[in-house]
C-alpha atoms as a PDB file:
ATOM      1  CA  MET A   1      32.563  52.020 159.074  1.00  0.00           C
ATOM      2  CA  LEU A   2      29.312  53.950 161.299  1.00  0.00           C
ATOM      3  CA  THR A   3      27.270  51.577 162.364  1.00  0.00           C
ATOM      4  CA  GLU A   4      23.241  51.681 162.568  1.00  0.00           C
ATOM      5  CA  VAL A   5      21.871  52.791 165.902  1.00  0.00           C
ATOM      6  CA  LYS A   6      20.635  49.540 167.039  1.00  0.00           C
ATOM      7  CA  ASN A   7      16.777  49.803 168.435  1.00  0.00           C
ATOM      8  CA  PRO A   8      14.705  46.974 170.236  1.00  0.00           C
ATOM      9  CA  ALA A   9      11.574  48.861 168.391  1.00  0.00           C
ATOM     10  CA  ALA A  10      13.251  48.374 164.655  1.00  0.00           C
ATOM     11  CA  GLU A  11      13.375  44.423 165.100  1.00  0.00           C
ATOM     12  CA  THR A  12       9.502  44.555 165.473  1.00  0.00           C
ATOM     13  CA  ALA A  13       7.528  43.096 162.338  1.00  0.00           C
ATOM     14  CA  GLN A  14       5.092  46.150 163.066  1.00  0.00           C
ATOM     15  CA  THR A  15       8.310  48.020 162.246  1.00  0.00           C
ATOM     16  CA  ALA A  16       9.419  45.578 159.789  1.00  0.00           C
ATOM     17  CA  GLU A  17       6.824  45.534 157.221  1.00  0.00           C
ATOM     18  CA  MET A  18       5.924  49.408 157.679  1.00  0.00           C
ATOM     19  CA  ALA A  19       6.690  51.265 154.915  1.00  0.00           C
ATOM     20  CA  SER A  20       9.562  53.808 155.245  1.00  0.00           C
ATOM     21  CA  ARG A  21      11.281  57.044 154.011  1.00  0.00           C
ATOM     22  CA  PRO A  22      14.436  59.278 154.235  1.00  0.00           C
ATOM     23  CA  MET A  23      13.433  62.193 156.653  1.00  0.00           C
ATOM     24  CA  THR A  24      15.050  64.715 158.390  1.00  0.00           C
ATOM     25  CA  MET A  25      14.615  64.949 162.324  1.00  0.00           C
ATOM     26  CA  ILE A  26      12.344  67.795 161.715  1.00  0.00           C
ATOM     27  CA  GLN A  27      10.406  65.351 159.348  1.00  0.00           C
ATOM     28  CA  ALA A  28      10.496  63.250 161.783  1.00  0.00           C
ATOM     29  CA  LEU A  29       9.105  65.117 164.454  1.00  0.00           C
ATOM     30  CA  ARG A  30       5.855  66.316 162.044  1.00  0.00           C
ATOM     31  CA  SER A  31       5.452  62.963 161.382  1.00  0.00           C
ATOM     32  CA  ALA A  32       5.024  61.347 165.125  1.00  0.00           C
ATOM     33  CA  LEU A  33       2.875  64.348 166.236  1.00  0.00           C
ATOM     34  CA  ASP A  34       0.782  64.021 162.744  1.00  0.00           C
ATOM     35  CA  VAL A  35       0.792  60.556 163.861  1.00  0.00           C
ATOM     36  CA  VAL A  36      -0.453  60.433 167.608  1.00  0.00           C
ATOM     37  CA  MET A  37      -2.552  63.324 166.451  1.00  0.00           C
ATOM     38  CA  ALA A  38      -4.577  61.106 164.161  1.00  0.00           C
ATOM     39  CA  ARG A  39      -5.016  58.462 166.765  1.00  0.00           C
ATOM     40  CA  ASP A  40      -6.182  60.351 170.022  1.00  0.00           C
ATOM     41  CA  PRO A  41      -8.223  63.434 169.568  1.00  0.00           C
ATOM     42  CA  ASP A  42      -7.127  64.339 173.288  1.00  0.00           C
ATOM     43  CA  VAL A  43      -2.656  65.204 171.832  1.00  0.00           C
ATOM     44  CA  VAL A  44      -2.842  68.490 171.810  1.00  0.00           C
ATOM     45  CA  VAL A  45       0.313  70.863 170.274  1.00  0.00           C
ATOM     46  CA  PHE A  46       0.498  74.347 171.202  1.00  0.00           C
ATOM     47  CA  GLY A  47       3.757  77.538 171.782  1.00  0.00           C
ATOM     48  CA  GLN A  48       5.215  80.268 170.535  1.00  0.00           C
ATOM     49  CA  ASP A  49       4.805  80.380 166.624  1.00  0.00           C
ATOM     50  CA  VAL A  50       3.673  76.868 166.941  1.00  0.00           C
ATOM     51  CA  GLY A  51       0.049  76.678 165.262  1.00  0.00           C
ATOM     52  CA  TYR A  52       0.115  79.160 162.131  1.00  0.00           C
ATOM     53  CA  PHE A  53       3.571  79.520 161.874  1.00  0.00           C
ATOM     54  CA  GLY A  54       5.001  75.589 162.112  1.00  0.00           C
ATOM     55  CA  GLY A  55       7.215  76.491 165.135  1.00  0.00           C
ATOM     56  CA  VAL A  56      10.632  78.538 164.506  1.00  0.00           C
ATOM     57  CA  PHE A  57      11.969  75.381 162.733  1.00  0.00           C
ATOM     58  CA  ARG A  58       8.889  74.651 160.977  1.00  0.00           C
ATOM     59  CA  VAL A  59       8.066  71.087 163.369  1.00  0.00           C
ATOM     60  CA  THR A  60       4.826  71.894 163.459  1.00  0.00           C
ATOM     61  CA  GLU A  61       4.763  73.193 159.886  1.00  0.00           C
ATOM     62  CA  GLY A  62       1.047  71.958 158.325  1.00  0.00           C
ATOM     63  CA  LEU A  63      -0.813  70.503 161.824  1.00  0.00           C
ATOM     64  CA  GLN A  64      -3.273  72.930 162.026  1.00  0.00           C
ATOM     65  CA  ALA A  65      -4.268  73.466 158.781  1.00  0.00           C
ATOM     66  CA  LYS A  66      -4.566  69.441 159.285  1.00  0.00           C
ATOM     67  CA  TYR A  67      -6.534  69.170 162.902  1.00  0.00           C
ATOM     68  CA  GLY A  68      -7.671  72.732 163.303  1.00  0.00           C
ATOM     69  CA  LYS A  69      -7.040  75.562 165.697  1.00  0.00           C
ATOM     70  CA  THR A  70      -8.282  74.585 168.793  1.00  0.00           C
ATOM     71  CA  ARG A  71      -5.211  71.123 168.238  1.00  0.00           C
ATOM     72  CA  CYS A  72      -2.995  73.078 167.020  1.00  0.00           C
ATOM     73  CA  PHE A  73      -2.535  76.977 168.525  1.00  0.00           C
ATOM     74  CA  ASP A  74      -0.562  79.763 168.756  1.00  0.00           C
ATOM     75  CA  ALA A  75       0.532  80.465 172.818  1.00  0.00           C
ATOM     76  CA  PRO A  76       1.307  83.811 174.450  1.00  0.00           C
ATOM     77  CA  ILE A  77       5.005  84.819 174.748  1.00  0.00           C
ATOM     78  CA  SER A  78       5.382  83.325 178.655  1.00  0.00           C
ATOM     79  CA  GLU A  79       6.998  79.723 179.456  1.00  0.00           C
ATOM     80  CA  GLY A  80       5.471  79.573 182.346  1.00  0.00           C
ATOM     81  CA  GLY A  81       1.686  80.285 180.898  1.00  0.00           C
ATOM     82  CA  ILE A  82       2.562  77.660 178.288  1.00  0.00           C
ATOM     83  CA  VAL A  83       3.626  75.352 180.964  1.00  0.00           C
ATOM     84  CA  GLY A  84       0.996  76.019 183.628  1.00  0.00           C
ATOM     85  CA  VAL A  85      -1.840  75.362 180.868  1.00  0.00           C
ATOM     86  CA  ALA A  86      -0.225  72.496 179.433  1.00  0.00           C
ATOM     87  CA  VAL A  87      -0.373  70.737 183.240  1.00  0.00           C
ATOM     88  CA  GLY A  88      -4.237  72.042 184.035  1.00  0.00           C
ATOM     89  CA  MET A  89      -4.973  70.302 180.259  1.00  0.00           C
ATOM     90  CA  GLY A  90      -2.657  66.914 181.534  1.00  0.00           C
ATOM     91  CA  ALA A  91      -4.438  66.814 184.743  1.00  0.00           C
ATOM     92  CA  TYR A  92      -8.303  66.418 182.969  1.00  0.00           C
ATOM     93  CA  GLY A  93      -7.419  64.285 180.696  1.00  0.00           C
ATOM     94  CA  LEU A  94      -5.742  65.988 177.427  1.00  0.00           C
ATOM     95  CA  ARG A  95      -2.134  64.983 176.830  1.00  0.00           C
ATOM     96  CA  PRO A  96      -0.556  68.397 175.454  1.00  0.00           C
ATOM     97  CA  VAL A  97       2.940  68.861 173.560  1.00  0.00           C
ATOM     98  CA  ALA A  98       3.893  71.963 174.340  1.00  0.00           C
ATOM     99  CA  GLU A  99       6.606  74.428 172.311  1.00  0.00           C
ATOM    100  CA  ILE A 100       9.014  75.764 174.457  1.00  0.00           C
ATOM    101  CA  GLN A 101      11.250  78.048 170.975  1.00  0.00           C
ATOM    102  CA  PHE A 102      14.570  77.086 172.843  1.00  0.00           C
ATOM    103  CA  ALA A 103      15.687  75.459 175.949  1.00  0.00           C
ATOM    104  CA  ASP A 104      17.268  78.762 176.874  1.00  0.00           C
ATOM    105  CA  TYR A 105      13.909  79.895 177.388  1.00  0.00           C
ATOM    106  CA  PHE A 106      12.502  77.446 179.681  1.00  0.00           C
ATOM    107  CA  TYR A 107      13.449  79.204 183.436  1.00  0.00           C
ATOM    108  CA  PRO A 108      10.846  81.027 183.681  1.00  0.00           C
ATOM    109  CA  ALA A 109       8.686  77.980 183.583  1.00  0.00           C
ATOM    110  CA  SER A 110      10.709  76.696 186.162  1.00  0.00           C
ATOM    111  CA  ASP A 111       7.945  76.437 189.180  1.00  0.00           C
ATOM    112  CA  GLN A 112       5.354  74.625 187.052  1.00  0.00           C
ATOM    113  CA  LEU A 113       7.736  72.167 185.837  1.00  0.00           C
ATOM    114  CA  VAL A 114       9.552  71.990 189.211  1.00  0.00           C
ATOM    115  CA  SER A 115       6.481  72.481 191.665  1.00  0.00           C
ATOM    116  CA  GLU A 116       3.574  71.596 189.578  1.00  0.00           C
ATOM    117  CA  ALA A 117       4.129  68.927 186.703  1.00  0.00           C
ATOM    118  CA  ALA A 118       6.677  66.917 188.923  1.00  0.00           C
ATOM    119  CA  ARG A 119       4.963  66.410 191.719  1.00  0.00           C
ATOM    120  CA  LEU A 120       1.137  66.364 190.277  1.00  0.00           C
ATOM    121  CA  ARG A 121       1.174  62.266 190.704  1.00  0.00           C
ATOM    122  CA  TYR A 122       3.044  62.147 194.600  1.00  0.00           C
ATOM    123  CA  ARG A 123       0.973  65.084 195.927  1.00  0.00           C
ATOM    124  CA  SER A 124      -2.238  63.812 195.155  1.00  0.00           C
ATOM    125  CA  ALA A 125      -1.843  60.583 195.854  1.00  0.00           C
ATOM    126  CA  GLY A 126      -2.343  59.099 192.460  1.00  0.00           C
ATOM    127  CA  ASP A 127      -5.254  60.627 192.061  1.00  0.00           C
ATOM    128  CA  PHE A 128      -4.134  62.642 189.052  1.00  0.00           C
ATOM    129  CA  THR A 129      -1.291  62.024 186.702  1.00  0.00           C
ATOM    130  CA  CYS A 130       0.732  64.803 184.153  1.00  0.00           C
ATOM    131  CA  PRO A 131       0.929  63.131 180.782  1.00  0.00           C
ATOM    132  CA  ILE A 132       2.297  66.043 178.919  1.00  0.00           C
ATOM    133  CA  THR A 133       5.646  66.871 176.253  1.00  0.00           C
ATOM    134  CA  VAL A 134       6.958  69.494 176.576  1.00  0.00           C
ATOM    135  CA  ARG A 135       9.685  69.910 173.356  1.00  0.00           C
ATOM    136  CA  MET A 136      12.826  72.200 173.542  1.00  0.00           C
ATOM    137  CA  PRO A 137      15.339  72.524 171.030  1.00  0.00           C
ATOM    138  CA  CYS A 138      18.811  73.034 172.448  1.00  0.00           C
ATOM    139  CA  GLY A 139      22.389  72.651 172.183  1.00  0.00           C
ATOM    140  CA  GLY A 140      25.225  75.274 170.027  1.00  0.00           C
ATOM    141  CA  GLY A 141      26.289  74.538 166.670  1.00  0.00           C
ATOM    142  CA  ILE A 142      24.150  76.884 165.089  1.00  0.00           C
ATOM    143  CA  TYR A 143      25.766  80.288 166.154  1.00  0.00           C
ATOM    144  CA  GLY A 144      23.141  81.027 168.326  1.00  0.00           C
ATOM    145  CA  GLY A 145      25.102  82.392 171.470  1.00  0.00           C
ATOM    146  CA  GLN A 146      24.175  82.558 175.134  1.00  0.00           C
ATOM    147  CA  THR A 147      20.441  82.747 174.502  1.00  0.00           C
ATOM    148  CA  HIS A 148      19.463  80.580 172.119  1.00  0.00           C
ATOM    149  CA  SER A 149      22.644  77.661 172.648  1.00  0.00           C
ATOM    150  CA  GLN A 150      22.199  76.073 176.157  1.00  0.00           C
ATOM    151  CA  SER A 151      22.308  72.332 177.179  1.00  0.00           C
ATOM    152  CA  PRO A 152      20.152  72.420 180.211  1.00  0.00           C
ATOM    153  CA  GLU A 153      19.931  69.295 180.180  1.00  0.00           C
ATOM    154  CA  ALA A 154      21.412  68.246 183.750  1.00  0.00           C
ATOM    155  CA  LEU A 155      18.582  70.238 185.838  1.00  0.00           C
ATOM    156  CA  PHE A 156      15.693  68.774 184.288  1.00  0.00           C
ATOM    157  CA  THR A 157      17.331  64.918 185.387  1.00  0.00           C
ATOM    158  CA  HIS A 158      17.956  67.234 189.629  1.00  0.00           C
ATOM    159  CA  VAL A 159      13.912  66.678 189.685  1.00  0.00           C
ATOM    160  CA  SER A 160      12.561  63.299 190.723  1.00  0.00           C
ATOM    161  CA  GLY A 161       9.104  63.080 188.582  1.00  0.00           C
ATOM    162  CA  LEU A 162      10.470  64.737 185.308  1.00  0.00           C
ATOM    163  CA  ARG A 163      11.305  62.347 182.572  1.00  0.00           C
ATOM    164  CA  THR A 164      14.524  63.197 179.962  1.00  0.00           C
ATOM    165  CA  VAL A 165      14.822  62.561 176.790  1.00  0.00           C
ATOM    166  CA  LEU A 166      17.429  63.424 173.615  1.00  0.00           C
ATOM    167  CA  PRO A 167      17.477  62.340 170.458  1.00  0.00           C
ATOM    168  CA  SER A 168      20.119  61.648 167.977  1.00  0.00           C
ATOM    169  CA  ASN A 169      19.319  60.740 164.900  1.00  0.00           C
ATOM    170  CA  PRO A 170      15.275  61.031 163.184  1.00  0.00           C
ATOM    171  CA  TYR A 171      14.639  57.246 163.617  1.00  0.00           C
ATOM    172  CA  ASP A 172      14.572  57.773 167.717  1.00  0.00           C
ATOM    173  CA  ALA A 173      13.298  61.086 167.691  1.00  0.00           C
ATOM    174  CA  LYS A 174       9.951  59.894 166.152  1.00  0.00           C
ATOM    175  CA  GLY A 175       9.767  56.605 167.526  1.00  0.00           C
ATOM    176  CA  LEU A 176      10.899  58.659 171.335  1.00  0.00           C
ATOM    177  CA  LEU A 177       8.245  61.159 170.729  1.00  0.00           C
ATOM    178  CA  ILE A 178       5.701  58.538 170.557  1.00  0.00           C
ATOM    179  CA  SER A 179       6.606  57.109 173.456  1.00  0.00           C
ATOM    180  CA  ALA A 180       7.041  60.490 175.409  1.00  0.00           C
ATOM    181  CA  ILE A 181       3.543  61.740 174.530  1.00  0.00           C
ATOM    182  CA  GLU A 182       1.663  58.481 175.146  1.00  0.00           C
ATOM    183  CA  CYS A 183       3.533  58.609 178.726  1.00  0.00           C
ATOM    184  CA  ASN A 184       1.669  59.185 181.858  1.00  0.00           C
ATOM    185  CA  ASP A 185       4.868  61.061 183.515  1.00  0.00           C
ATOM    186  CA  PRO A 186       5.808  64.273 182.743  1.00  0.00           C
ATOM    187  CA  VAL A 187       8.256  64.168 179.606  1.00  0.00           C
ATOM    188  CA  ILE A 188      10.893  66.515 178.525  1.00  0.00           C
ATOM    189  CA  PHE A 189      12.102  66.096 175.189  1.00  0.00           C
ATOM    190  CA  LEU A 190      15.162  67.859 174.165  1.00  0.00           C
ATOM    191  CA  GLU A 191      15.794  68.205 170.531  1.00  0.00           C
ATOM    192  CA  PRO A 192      19.588  69.122 169.281  1.00  0.00           C
ATOM    193  CA  LYS A 193      19.372  71.817 166.644  1.00  0.00           C
ATOM    194  CA  ARG A 194      22.315  70.832 165.343  1.00  0.00           C
ATOM    195  CA  LEU A 195      21.149  67.634 164.187  1.00  0.00           C
ATOM    196  CA  TYR A 196      18.187  69.026 162.488  1.00  0.00           C
ATOM    197  CA  ASN A 197      18.868  69.082 158.632  1.00  0.00           C
ATOM    198  CA  GLY A 198      21.795  66.045 159.100  1.00  0.00           C
ATOM    199  CA  PRO A 199      23.729  64.020 160.828  1.00  0.00           C
ATOM    200  CA  PHE A 200      27.448  66.018 162.000  1.00  0.00           C
ATOM    201  CA  ASP A 201      30.665  64.594 161.491  1.00  0.00           C
ATOM    202  CA  GLY A 202      32.123  66.417 164.345  1.00  0.00           C
ATOM    203  CA  HIS A 203      34.215  69.174 162.188  1.00  0.00           C
ATOM    204  CA  HIS A 204      32.588  72.219 161.685  1.00  0.00           C
ATOM    205  CA  ASP A 205      33.994  72.675 158.702  1.00  0.00           C
ATOM    206  CA  ARG A 206      33.062  69.975 156.651  1.00  0.00           C
ATOM    207  CA  PRO A 207      29.872  69.566 154.826  1.00  0.00           C
ATOM    208  CA  VAL A 208      26.856  68.389 156.377  1.00  0.00           C
ATOM    209  CA  VAL A 209      25.464  65.040 155.198  1.00  0.00           C
ATOM    210  CA  PRO A 210      22.416  65.013 154.520  1.00  0.00           C
ATOM    211  CA  TRP A 211      19.681  62.566 156.714  1.00  0.00           C
ATOM    212  CA  SER A 212      18.178  61.149 153.556  1.00  0.00           C
ATOM    213  CA  LYS A 213      21.954  59.948 152.299  1.00  0.00           C
ATOM    214  CA  HIS A 214      22.214  58.129 155.624  1.00  0.00           C
ATOM    215  CA  PRO A 215      20.299  54.774 156.949  1.00  0.00           C
ATOM    216  CA  MET A 216      19.321  56.520 160.426  1.00  0.00           C
ATOM    217  CA  GLY A 217      17.413  58.870 158.229  1.00  0.00           C
ATOM    218  CA  ASN A 218      15.203  56.368 157.046  1.00  0.00           C
ATOM    219  CA  VAL A 219      12.121  56.339 159.481  1.00  0.00           C
ATOM    220  CA  PRO A 220       8.665  54.651 159.029  1.00  0.00           C
ATOM    221  CA  GLU A 221       6.460  56.363 157.987  1.00  0.00           C
ATOM    222  CA  GLY A 222       3.586  55.039 160.392  1.00  0.00           C
ATOM    223  CA  TYR A 223       3.098  54.568 164.657  1.00  0.00           C
ATOM    224  CA  TYR A 224       6.308  52.969 166.069  1.00  0.00           C
ATOM    225  CA  THR A 225       8.049  53.259 169.492  1.00  0.00           C
ATOM    226  CA  VAL A 226      11.415  53.632 170.707  1.00  0.00           C
ATOM    227  CA  PRO A 227      11.071  52.404 174.177  1.00  0.00           C
ATOM    228  CA  LEU A 228      11.947  55.457 177.702  1.00  0.00           C
ATOM    229  CA  GLU A 229      14.581  54.230 179.373  1.00  0.00           C
ATOM    230  CA  SER A 230      16.593  52.525 177.035  1.00  0.00           C
ATOM    231  CA  ALA A 231      20.472  53.274 175.545  1.00  0.00           C
ATOM    232  CA  ALA A 232      21.534  52.204 172.363  1.00  0.00           C
ATOM    233  CA  VAL A 233      24.658  50.988 171.001  1.00  0.00           C
ATOM    234  CA  PHE A 234      25.511  53.735 168.338  1.00  0.00           C
ATOM    235  CA  ARG A 235      29.199  52.350 167.439  1.00  0.00           C
ATOM    236  CA  PRO A 236      30.278  48.471 168.775  1.00  0.00           C
ATOM    237  CA  GLY A 237      34.083  48.353 170.446  1.00  0.00           C
ATOM    238  CA  ASN A 238      36.442  46.844 173.001  1.00  0.00           C
ATOM    239  CA  GLN A 239      38.981  48.798 173.576  1.00  0.00           C
ATOM    240  CA  LEU A 240      36.732  51.848 175.695  1.00  0.00           C
ATOM    241  CA  THR A 241      33.428  52.914 176.360  1.00  0.00           C
ATOM    242  CA  VAL A 242      31.740  56.064 175.458  1.00  0.00           C
ATOM    243  CA  LEU A 243      28.687  57.277 177.309  1.00  0.00           C
ATOM    244  CA  THR A 244      26.964  60.878 174.931  1.00  0.00           C
ATOM    245  CA  TYR A 245      24.495  61.643 173.857  1.00  0.00           C
ATOM    246  CA  GLY A 246      22.336  64.332 171.089  1.00  0.00           C
ATOM    247  CA  THR A 247      25.140  65.597 169.261  1.00  0.00           C
ATOM    248  CA  MET A 248      28.202  64.890 171.038  1.00  0.00           C
ATOM    249  CA  THR A 249      27.248  60.891 169.605  1.00  0.00           C
ATOM    250  CA  TRP A 250      28.630  61.771 166.518  1.00  0.00           C
ATOM    251  CA  VAL A 251      31.396  63.232 167.274  1.00  0.00           C
ATOM    252  CA  ALA A 252      32.287  60.533 169.823  1.00  0.00           C
ATOM    253  CA  GLU A 253      31.787  58.392 166.683  1.00  0.00           C
ATOM    254  CA  CYS A 254      34.488  60.658 164.637  1.00  0.00           C
ATOM    255  CA  ALA A 255      37.084  60.609 167.415  1.00  0.00           C
ATOM    256  CA  ALA A 256      37.185  57.026 167.017  1.00  0.00           C
ATOM    257  CA  ARG A 257      37.226  56.587 163.777  1.00  0.00           C
ATOM    258  CA  GLU A 258      40.392  59.514 163.589  1.00  0.00           C
ATOM    259  CA  THR A 259      41.940  57.724 166.196  1.00  0.00           C
ATOM    260  CA  GLY A 260      41.149  54.534 165.072  1.00  0.00           C
ATOM    261  CA  ILE A 261      40.975  53.224 168.776  1.00  0.00           C
ATOM    262  CA  ASP A 262      38.031  50.215 169.230  1.00  0.00           C
ATOM    263  CA  ALA A 263      35.302  52.610 171.407  1.00  0.00           C
ATOM    264  CA  GLU A 264      32.066  51.330 171.975  1.00  0.00           C
ATOM    265  CA  ILE A 265      29.734  54.038 172.045  1.00  0.00           C
ATOM    266  CA  ILE A 266      26.494  53.814 173.781  1.00  0.00           C
ATOM    267  CA  ASP A 267      23.555  57.040 172.796  1.00  0.00           C
ATOM    268  CA  LEU A 268      21.636  57.490 175.837  1.00  0.00           C
ATOM    269  CA  ARG A 269      18.969  58.520 174.658  1.00  0.00           C
ATOM    270  CA  SER A 270      16.929  58.478 177.873  1.00  0.00           C
ATOM    271  CA  ILE A 271      18.873  61.202 180.167  1.00  0.00           C
ATOM    272  CA  TRP A 272      16.895  60.326 183.063  1.00  0.00           C
ATOM    273  CA  PRO A 273      15.730  57.904 184.051  1.00  0.00           C
ATOM    274  CA  LEU A 274      19.365  56.085 182.801  1.00  0.00           C
ATOM    275  CA  ASP A 275      19.416  52.629 180.769  1.00  0.00           C
ATOM    276  CA  LEU A 276      21.984  51.834 183.540  1.00  0.00           C
ATOM    277  CA  ALA A 277      22.161  47.886 183.149  1.00  0.00           C
ATOM    278  CA  THR A 278      23.141  48.459 179.591  1.00  0.00           C
ATOM    279  CA  ILE A 279      26.115  51.087 180.546  1.00  0.00           C
ATOM    280  CA  VAL A 280      27.050  48.890 183.370  1.00  0.00           C
ATOM    281  CA  ALA A 281      27.900  46.008 180.826  1.00  0.00           C
ATOM    282  CA  SER A 282      29.455  48.091 178.305  1.00  0.00           C
ATOM    283  CA  VAL A 283      32.291  49.293 180.627  1.00  0.00           C
ATOM    284  CA  LYS A 284      32.559  45.914 182.019  1.00  0.00           C
ATOM    285  CA  LYS A 285      33.474  44.874 179.071  1.00  0.00           C
ATOM    286  CA  THR A 286      35.767  47.422 178.049  1.00  0.00           C
ATOM    287  CA  GLY A 287      37.635  48.692 181.346  1.00  0.00           C
ATOM    288  CA  ARG A 288      37.472  52.296 180.736  1.00  0.00           C
ATOM    289  CA  CYS A 289      34.861  54.679 179.925  1.00  0.00           C
ATOM    290  CA  VAL A 290      34.990  58.473 178.318  1.00  0.00           C
ATOM    291  CA  ILE A 291      32.412  60.933 179.336  1.00  0.00           C
ATOM    292  CA  VAL A 292      30.756  63.624 176.523  1.00  0.00           C
ATOM    293  CA  HIS A 293      28.696  66.205 176.434  1.00  0.00           C
ATOM    294  CA  GLU A 294      27.800  69.648 175.568  1.00  0.00           C
ATOM    295  CA  ALA A 295      26.947  71.288 178.512  1.00  0.00           C
ATOM    296  CA  THR A 296      29.094  72.849 180.745  1.00  0.00           C
ATOM    297  CA  LYS A 297      31.179  70.703 183.182  1.00  0.00           C
ATOM    298  CA  THR A 298      30.551  71.400 186.589  1.00  0.00           C
ATOM    299  CA  SER A 299      27.865  69.757 188.057  1.00  0.00           C
ATOM    300  CA  GLY A 300      26.730  68.451 184.143  1.00  0.00           C
ATOM    301  CA  PHE A 301      25.416  65.704 183.942  1.00  0.00           C
ATOM    302  CA  GLY A 302      28.304  64.124 182.868  1.00  0.00           C
ATOM    303  CA  ALA A 303      29.465  63.851 186.879  1.00  0.00           C
ATOM    304  CA  GLU A 304      25.995  61.484 187.537  1.00  0.00           C
ATOM    305  CA  LEU A 305      27.325  59.483 185.352  1.00  0.00           C
ATOM    306  CA  SER A 306      30.899  59.511 186.763  1.00  0.00           C
ATOM    307  CA  ALA A 307      29.866  58.331 190.045  1.00  0.00           C
ATOM    308  CA  LEU A 308      27.354  55.272 188.896  1.00  0.00           C
ATOM    309  CA  VAL A 309      30.439  53.998 186.766  1.00  0.00           C
ATOM    310  CA  GLN A 310      32.558  54.312 190.110  1.00  0.00           C
ATOM    311  CA  GLU A 311      29.737  52.248 191.979  1.00  0.00           C
ATOM    312  CA  HIS A 312      29.302  49.540 189.990  1.00  0.00           C
ATOM    313  CA  CYS A 313      31.759  49.501 187.809  1.00  0.00           C
ATOM    314  CA  PHE A 314      34.965  49.856 190.555  1.00  0.00           C
ATOM    315  CA  TYR A 315      36.749  46.858 190.141  1.00  0.00           C
ATOM    316  CA  GLN A 316      36.887  46.385 186.117  1.00  0.00           C
ATOM    317  CA  LEU A 317      37.773  49.603 185.714  1.00  0.00           C
ATOM    318  CA  GLU A 318      41.137  50.240 183.815  1.00  0.00           C
ATOM    319  CA  ALA A 319      41.449  53.871 183.672  1.00  0.00           C
ATOM    320  CA  PRO A 320      40.087  56.645 185.182  1.00  0.00           C
ATOM    321  CA  ILE A 321      37.008  58.056 183.951  1.00  0.00           C
ATOM    322  CA  GLU A 322      37.163  60.685 182.170  1.00  0.00           C
ATOM    323  CA  ARG A 323      34.774  63.304 181.078  1.00  0.00           C
ATOM    324  CA  VAL A 324      34.835  65.671 177.777  1.00  0.00           C
ATOM    325  CA  THR A 325      32.445  68.883 177.512  1.00  0.00           C
ATOM    326  CA  GLY A 326      31.765  72.631 177.630  1.00  0.00           C
ATOM    327  CA  TRP A 327      33.745  75.488 179.325  1.00  0.00           C
ATOM    328  CA  ASP A 328      32.330  76.449 182.941  1.00  0.00           C
ATOM    329  CA  THR A 329      31.906  79.588 181.089  1.00  0.00           C
ATOM    330  CA  PRO A 330      28.375  80.984 179.673  1.00  0.00           C
ATOM    331  CA  TYR A 331      27.555  80.222 176.091  1.00  0.00           C
ATOM    332  CA  PRO A 332      30.453  82.602 173.850  1.00  0.00           C
ATOM    333  CA  HIS A 333      29.526  83.278 170.432  1.00  0.00           C
ATOM    334  CA  ALA A 334      32.409  84.124 168.643  1.00  0.00           C
ATOM    335  CA  GLN A 335      34.355  80.800 170.076  1.00  0.00           C
ATOM    336  CA  GLU A 336      31.674  78.674 169.568  1.00  0.00           C
ATOM    337  CA  TRP A 337      33.419  75.857 168.021  1.00  0.00           C
ATOM    338  CA  ALA A 338      36.028  75.821 170.744  1.00  0.00           C
ATOM    339  CA  TYR A 339      33.652  75.389 173.255  1.00  0.00           C
ATOM    340  CA  PHE A 340      31.881  72.878 171.520  1.00  0.00           C
ATOM    341  CA  PRO A 341      33.403  69.705 172.378  1.00  0.00           C
ATOM    342  CA  GLY A 342      35.110  68.206 169.115  1.00  0.00           C
ATOM    343  CA  PRO A 343      36.860  65.557 167.161  1.00  0.00           C
ATOM    344  CA  ASP A 344      40.300  66.502 168.493  1.00  0.00           C
ATOM    345  CA  ARG A 345      39.459  67.230 172.318  1.00  0.00           C
ATOM    346  CA  VAL A 346      37.412  63.478 172.496  1.00  0.00           C
ATOM    347  CA  GLY A 347      39.990  61.911 170.790  1.00  0.00           C
ATOM    348  CA  ALA A 348      42.650  63.605 172.826  1.00  0.00           C
ATOM    349  CA  ALA A 349      40.314  62.312 175.860  1.00  0.00           C
ATOM    350  CA  PHE A 350      40.509  58.391 174.049  1.00  0.00           C
ATOM    351  CA  LYS A 351      44.199  58.216 174.061  1.00  0.00           C
ATOM    352  CA  ARG A 352      44.063  59.426 177.496  1.00  0.00           C
ATOM    353  CA  ALA A 353      42.533  56.300 178.827  1.00  0.00           C
ATOM    354  CA  MET A 354      43.860  53.525 176.739  1.00  0.00           C
ATOM    355  CA  GLU A 355      47.434  55.034 177.736  1.00  0.00           C
ATOM    356  CA  SER A 356      46.774  54.853 181.698  1.00  0.00           C
END
């Protein structure tokens, strides 16, 4: 049976007493933006088609009508311009939430993110901060092809000064987005498109379970936060540890269920900075580690995770660390579900780890 994510915020009296309702991840993200815009007039939301249209995935639908064109507005098709404007807004006291329509489109904004947003606090000796949140839909599973399906999270984690967040369910999505907007550092907030409208059981040929019928789709309507830098035990277990995030959290759960292996799945949630304590405690308990992510293998974030586990858990490891990832190739449209790590590939890695 699937175990609900353990959220520190969920255990507080604030969330326990708050009215909740089923939400998709899209609705949970919209609720987060609505809550912070109502609480803080310095929060502004903008990007391509974000205002009148409500965003290509409708996350910002209705916000312009509610808060006006000066707080939720459209931007030209210029990712560098969008992030550059956000950096300037943040430096002068606003808390901008900028949307890049697909994570694949962020590359023209790389200079603004790396040379400006990430460096501002350090370059000014703390006189200025850059409290911006850059939202980006990411990942595959919807036949988006090479230019609409990339998972570039590892590129952001290499940049000192940036935070990188990637939720796996509506509850976390809302709480983490509120925390990101309130953070004084620049946050890259990646949203797995495959999870926008329902959890993923790991197989593309099976019906998608709607969030309204899943416990993780029950989201408080008001204000709450999920702490940044906090991982969650998505599924407790004792035989091996799985380190993953986003859509692959659900693939790993399906693989554990189908193989019968008692896997403890750690949903990282915050990719960087990392909740190393939760990772180390789990690996030391199980003695085995499998790392799963959708991005390409070479120089993917799994390599950093593997190094950290080796450094901190060497004497407790009973088998080589396994990595299951996307291929080292541009995202193939026709073979998307072969590229996409599925339960069969993940389950095979579980078995190899157990047999070593």
